[in-house]
Structure formats: structure tokens, C-alpha cells
Amino acid sequence: MNKMKLVFSQTLMISTAILFGIGLQGALAALFEQDSTIVWDWYIPFSIIMTGFLSALPSVLITGYENLKKTMIRFRIMLHIISIWGIVSLSGYIFGWYKDFKGWIGISVMYFFIYFFVWFGSWWLAKEDDKKINNALDEIRDDE
């Protein structure tokens, strides 16, 4: 999968997953709290998309390097996880997604669910692209 397509698809997946997580938090608050009203400032939708884009950029760092040792691959994956966690935490702080340590823990838990959702989604999309390429190659091969 080329890098631009990877960043675009991950931006969409991350932004959608953040919206889903916020919706889930709102639904749980409506069930378990008496006064549960969600009020968004005008910039929150933009902040979600921007955070999705910024979180997709580090993925370019861990793709396309098949000849690395396992320790370097693991290091890059850990750096990837931590850098995106930092981006999400900083965005949450700047845009007021959480107000205290408990809110940050909630954002962090949601982050790890979203991270593994996007990891699986990206793997699945790459696998589908590989299938399409292989099918196209099979169609142009000569029968012998």
C-alpha cells in the first residue's frame, strides 16, 4: 500500500474510531449519570480529524523496511505506539477532551482500542490490495 493511501485510510479509520469512542462514552454517561449532556465546541470535529491525520503520519516510519532485524522492528513498533499515544494525549490536552487524570486514563484506554482496530484494519486493507494485485497478475499470465 503506498504511503499516501496508508495515511489517508488510517486518518479515516482513526477519526471514525474516535467518534465511535466518544459516542460510546456519551451512551455510557447517559445510562449511568443523571445529568449527561454532551456539548461540543466548534473546533472539536476539526480536532478529531486533525488528530487522526497526525496519528496516521508516524505509520510511514514503520512501513517499507523489510530487511531490518527483529529488535529494530520491535523498537520501531514501540516508538510508533508511544509517539501516537503522545499525539493523542497532547491533542486531548490542547482541545480539552479531558479535564483530569481520570479523563486522561479514559482517553488512553480508548487509544489502545483504536490503535489495535486501526492496526487490524490496515493489515486487512493491505491483504485485500495484495489479492487484487495477484488476481490481476494471474489474468495476464500466459497459460502453458
C-alpha atoms as a PDB file:
ATOM      1  CA  MET A   1       0.000   0.000   0.000  1.00  0.00           C
ATOM      2  CA  ASN A   2       1.526   3.307  -0.964  1.00  0.00           C
ATOM      3  CA  LYS A   3       2.232   5.805   1.779  1.00  0.00           C
ATOM      4  CA  MET A   4      -0.381   8.404   0.822  1.00  0.00           C
ATOM      5  CA  LYS A   5      -3.115   5.785   0.687  1.00  0.00           C
ATOM      6  CA  LEU A   6      -1.942   4.433   4.049  1.00  0.00           C
ATOM      7  CA  VAL A   7      -2.080   7.877   5.686  1.00  0.00           C
ATOM      8  CA  PHE A   8      -5.482   8.646   4.157  1.00  0.00           C
ATOM      9  CA  SER A   9      -7.067   5.319   5.110  1.00  0.00           C
ATOM     10  CA  GLN A  10      -5.636   5.448   8.625  1.00  0.00           C
ATOM     11  CA  THR A  11      -6.837   9.036   9.057  1.00  0.00           C
ATOM     12  CA  LEU A  12     -10.346   7.907   8.174  1.00  0.00           C
ATOM     13  CA  MET A  13     -10.189   4.850  10.420  1.00  0.00           C
ATOM     14  CA  ILE A  14      -8.728   6.767  13.374  1.00  0.00           C
ATOM     15  CA  SER A  15     -11.193   9.657  13.083  1.00  0.00           C
ATOM     16  CA  THR A  16     -14.138   7.272  12.782  1.00  0.00           C
ATOM     17  CA  ALA A  17     -12.939   5.237  15.751  1.00  0.00           C
ATOM     18  CA  ILE A  18     -12.506   8.385  17.867  1.00  0.00           C
ATOM     19  CA  LEU A  19     -16.060   9.436  17.019  1.00  0.00           C
ATOM     20  CA  PHE A  20     -17.284   5.943  17.895  1.00  0.00           C
ATOM     21  CA  GLY A  21     -15.400   6.066  21.206  1.00  0.00           C
ATOM     22  CA  ILE A  22     -16.865   9.470  22.050  1.00  0.00           C
ATOM     23  CA  GLY A  23     -20.324   8.195  21.172  1.00  0.00           C
ATOM     24  CA  LEU A  24     -19.798   5.157  23.380  1.00  0.00           C
ATOM     25  CA  GLN A  25     -18.647   7.377  26.251  1.00  0.00           C
ATOM     26  CA  GLY A  26     -21.754   9.523  25.771  1.00  0.00           C
ATOM     27  CA  ALA A  27     -24.023   6.477  25.749  1.00  0.00           C
ATOM     28  CA  LEU A  28     -22.451   5.137  28.945  1.00  0.00           C
ATOM     29  CA  ALA A  29     -22.755   8.547  30.578  1.00  0.00           C
ATOM     30  CA  ALA A  30     -26.419   8.711  29.593  1.00  0.00           C
ATOM     31  CA  LEU A  31     -27.021   5.287  31.163  1.00  0.00           C
ATOM     32  CA  PHE A  32     -25.136   5.771  34.422  1.00  0.00           C
ATOM     33  CA  GLU A  33     -25.230   9.504  35.159  1.00  0.00           C
ATOM     34  CA  GLN A  34     -28.233  11.675  35.868  1.00  0.00           C
ATOM     35  CA  ASP A  35     -27.144  14.828  34.067  1.00  0.00           C
ATOM     36  CA  SER A  36     -25.366  13.700  30.923  1.00  0.00           C
ATOM     37  CA  THR A  37     -25.291  16.297  28.205  1.00  0.00           C
ATOM     38  CA  ILE A  38     -22.503  16.426  25.673  1.00  0.00           C
ATOM     39  CA  VAL A  39     -21.658  19.921  24.489  1.00  0.00           C
ATOM     40  CA  TRP A  40     -19.027  20.334  21.802  1.00  0.00           C
ATOM     41  CA  ASP A  41     -17.176  23.487  20.966  1.00  0.00           C
ATOM     42  CA  TRP A  42     -17.000  24.429  17.289  1.00  0.00           C
ATOM     43  CA  TYR A  43     -13.455  23.076  16.882  1.00  0.00           C
ATOM     44  CA  ILE A  44     -13.971  19.539  18.248  1.00  0.00           C
ATOM     45  CA  PRO A  45     -14.872  17.878  14.890  1.00  0.00           C
ATOM     46  CA  PHE A  46     -11.826  19.520  13.290  1.00  0.00           C
ATOM     47  CA  SER A  47      -9.645  18.445  16.221  1.00  0.00           C
ATOM     48  CA  ILE A  48     -10.736  14.827  15.740  1.00  0.00           C
ATOM     49  CA  ILE A  49      -9.837  14.854  12.045  1.00  0.00           C
ATOM     50  CA  MET A  50      -6.552  16.672  12.696  1.00  0.00           C
ATOM     51  CA  THR A  51      -5.633  14.194  15.443  1.00  0.00           C
ATOM     52  CA  GLY A  52      -6.494  11.339  13.080  1.00  0.00           C
ATOM     53  CA  PHE A  53      -4.189  12.789  10.433  1.00  0.00           C
ATOM     54  CA  LEU A  54      -1.334  13.490  12.845  1.00  0.00           C
ATOM     55  CA  SER A  55      -1.701   9.983  14.284  1.00  0.00           C
ATOM     56  CA  ALA A  56      -1.525   8.436  10.819  1.00  0.00           C
ATOM     57  CA  LEU A  57       1.759  10.137   9.903  1.00  0.00           C
ATOM     58  CA  PRO A  58       4.060   8.007  12.141  1.00  0.00           C
ATOM     59  CA  SER A  59       2.848   4.906  10.283  1.00  0.00           C
ATOM     60  CA  VAL A  60       5.068   5.930   7.394  1.00  0.00           C
ATOM     61  CA  LEU A  61       8.044   5.323   9.715  1.00  0.00           C
ATOM     62  CA  ILE A  62       7.323   1.625  10.214  1.00  0.00           C
ATOM     63  CA  THR A  63       6.434   0.638   6.652  1.00  0.00           C
ATOM     64  CA  GLY A  64       8.679  -0.452   3.831  1.00  0.00           C
ATOM     65  CA  TYR A  65      11.667  -1.687   5.814  1.00  0.00           C
ATOM     66  CA  GLU A  66      11.560  -5.459   5.408  1.00  0.00           C
ATOM     67  CA  ASN A  67      15.320  -6.062   5.808  1.00  0.00           C
ATOM     68  CA  LEU A  68      15.554  -4.914   9.424  1.00  0.00           C
ATOM     69  CA  LYS A  69      16.426  -7.087  12.390  1.00  0.00           C
ATOM     70  CA  LYS A  70      13.591  -8.134  14.691  1.00  0.00           C
ATOM     71  CA  THR A  71      14.866  -5.948  17.511  1.00  0.00           C
ATOM     72  CA  MET A  72      14.804  -2.874  15.264  1.00  0.00           C
ATOM     73  CA  ILE A  73      11.302  -3.745  14.049  1.00  0.00           C
ATOM     74  CA  ARG A  74      10.098  -4.101  17.641  1.00  0.00           C
ATOM     75  CA  PHE A  75      11.776  -0.814  18.564  1.00  0.00           C
ATOM     76  CA  ARG A  76      10.037   0.976  15.682  1.00  0.00           C
ATOM     77  CA  ILE A  77       6.669  -0.507  16.659  1.00  0.00           C
ATOM     78  CA  MET A  78       7.122   0.591  20.282  1.00  0.00           C
ATOM     79  CA  LEU A  79       8.221   4.052  19.094  1.00  0.00           C
ATOM     80  CA  HIS A  80       5.136   4.103  16.857  1.00  0.00           C
ATOM     81  CA  ILE A  81       2.786   3.226  19.726  1.00  0.00           C
ATOM     82  CA  ILE A  82       4.351   5.752  22.103  1.00  0.00           C
ATOM     83  CA  SER A  83       4.530   8.579  19.556  1.00  0.00           C
ATOM     84  CA  ILE A  84       0.870   8.204  18.601  1.00  0.00           C
ATOM     85  CA  TRP A  85      -0.106   7.954  22.264  1.00  0.00           C
ATOM     86  CA  GLY A  86       1.757  11.220  22.805  1.00  0.00           C
ATOM     87  CA  ILE A  87      -0.017  12.854  19.850  1.00  0.00           C
ATOM     88  CA  VAL A  88      -3.428  11.761  21.154  1.00  0.00           C
ATOM     89  CA  SER A  89      -2.608  12.811  24.735  1.00  0.00           C
ATOM     90  CA  LEU A  90      -1.328  16.213  23.623  1.00  0.00           C
ATOM     91  CA  SER A  91      -4.313  16.762  21.316  1.00  0.00           C
ATOM     92  CA  GLY A  92      -6.658  15.761  24.113  1.00  0.00           C
ATOM     93  CA  TYR A  93      -4.980  18.226  26.453  1.00  0.00           C
ATOM     94  CA  ILE A  94      -4.932  21.087  23.934  1.00  0.00           C
ATOM     95  CA  PHE A  95      -8.514  20.583  22.753  1.00  0.00           C
ATOM     96  CA  GLY A  96      -9.964  19.830  26.182  1.00  0.00           C
ATOM     97  CA  TRP A  97     -11.006  16.225  25.595  1.00  0.00           C
ATOM     98  CA  TYR A  98     -10.226  15.508  29.235  1.00  0.00           C
ATOM     99  CA  LYS A  99     -10.024  17.633  32.346  1.00  0.00           C
ATOM    100  CA  ASP A 100      -8.154  15.484  34.842  1.00  0.00           C
ATOM    101  CA  PHE A 101      -6.060  12.338  35.251  1.00  0.00           C
ATOM    102  CA  LYS A 102      -9.159  10.110  35.237  1.00  0.00           C
ATOM    103  CA  GLY A 103     -10.196  11.602  31.892  1.00  0.00           C
ATOM    104  CA  TRP A 104      -6.695  11.041  30.510  1.00  0.00           C
ATOM    105  CA  ILE A 105      -6.890   7.380  31.574  1.00  0.00           C
ATOM    106  CA  GLY A 106     -10.192   7.088  29.681  1.00  0.00           C
ATOM    107  CA  ILE A 107      -8.627   8.628  26.578  1.00  0.00           C
ATOM    108  CA  SER A 108      -5.610   6.308  26.930  1.00  0.00           C
ATOM    109  CA  VAL A 109      -7.771   3.189  27.182  1.00  0.00           C
ATOM    110  CA  MET A 110      -9.759   4.325  24.147  1.00  0.00           C
ATOM    111  CA  TYR A 111      -6.468   4.999  22.338  1.00  0.00           C
ATOM    112  CA  PHE A 112      -5.266   1.417  22.768  1.00  0.00           C
ATOM    113  CA  PHE A 113      -8.559   0.001  21.489  1.00  0.00           C
ATOM    114  CA  ILE A 114      -8.421   2.331  18.494  1.00  0.00           C
ATOM    115  CA  TYR A 115      -4.746   1.539  17.886  1.00  0.00           C
ATOM    116  CA  PHE A 116      -5.394  -2.181  17.559  1.00  0.00           C
ATOM    117  CA  PHE A 117      -8.545  -1.586  15.491  1.00  0.00           C
ATOM    118  CA  VAL A 118      -6.582   0.557  13.029  1.00  0.00           C
ATOM    119  CA  TRP A 119      -3.662  -1.920  13.012  1.00  0.00           C
ATOM    120  CA  PHE A 120      -6.050  -4.734  12.091  1.00  0.00           C
ATOM    121  CA  GLY A 121      -7.880  -2.574   9.542  1.00  0.00           C
ATOM    122  CA  SER A 122      -4.643  -1.541   7.845  1.00  0.00           C
ATOM    123  CA  TRP A 123      -3.454  -5.153   7.741  1.00  0.00           C
ATOM    124  CA  TRP A 124      -6.769  -6.234   6.214  1.00  0.00           C
ATOM    125  CA  LEU A 125      -6.697  -3.470   3.562  1.00  0.00           C
ATOM    126  CA  ALA A 126      -3.121  -4.333   2.606  1.00  0.00           C
ATOM    127  CA  LYS A 127      -4.079  -8.009   2.337  1.00  0.00           C
ATOM    128  CA  GLU A 128      -7.002  -7.113   0.054  1.00  0.00           C
ATOM    129  CA  ASP A 129      -4.712  -4.988  -2.135  1.00  0.00           C
ATOM    130  CA  ASP A 130      -2.295  -7.924  -2.405  1.00  0.00           C
ATOM    131  CA  LYS A 131      -5.154 -10.193  -3.501  1.00  0.00           C
ATOM    132  CA  LYS A 132      -6.214  -7.715  -6.189  1.00  0.00           C
ATOM    133  CA  ILE A 133      -2.656  -7.451  -7.486  1.00  0.00           C
ATOM    134  CA  ASN A 134      -2.220 -11.227  -7.534  1.00  0.00           C
ATOM    135  CA  ASN A 135      -5.555 -11.694  -9.334  1.00  0.00           C
ATOM    136  CA  ALA A 136      -4.559  -9.096 -11.938  1.00  0.00           C
ATOM    137  CA  LEU A 137      -1.208 -10.850 -12.441  1.00  0.00           C
ATOM    138  CA  ASP A 138      -2.955 -14.216 -12.773  1.00  0.00           C
ATOM    139  CA  GLU A 139      -5.184 -12.802 -15.507  1.00  0.00           C
ATOM    140  CA  ILE A 140      -2.285 -11.611 -17.658  1.00  0.00           C
ATOM    141  CA  ARG A 141      -0.111 -14.695 -17.247  1.00  0.00           C
ATOM    142  CA  ASP A 142       0.260 -16.974 -20.240  1.00  0.00           C
ATOM    143  CA  ASP A 143      -1.203 -20.458 -19.936  1.00  0.00           C
ATOM    144  CA  GLU A 144       1.399 -23.108 -20.562  1.00  0.00           C
END
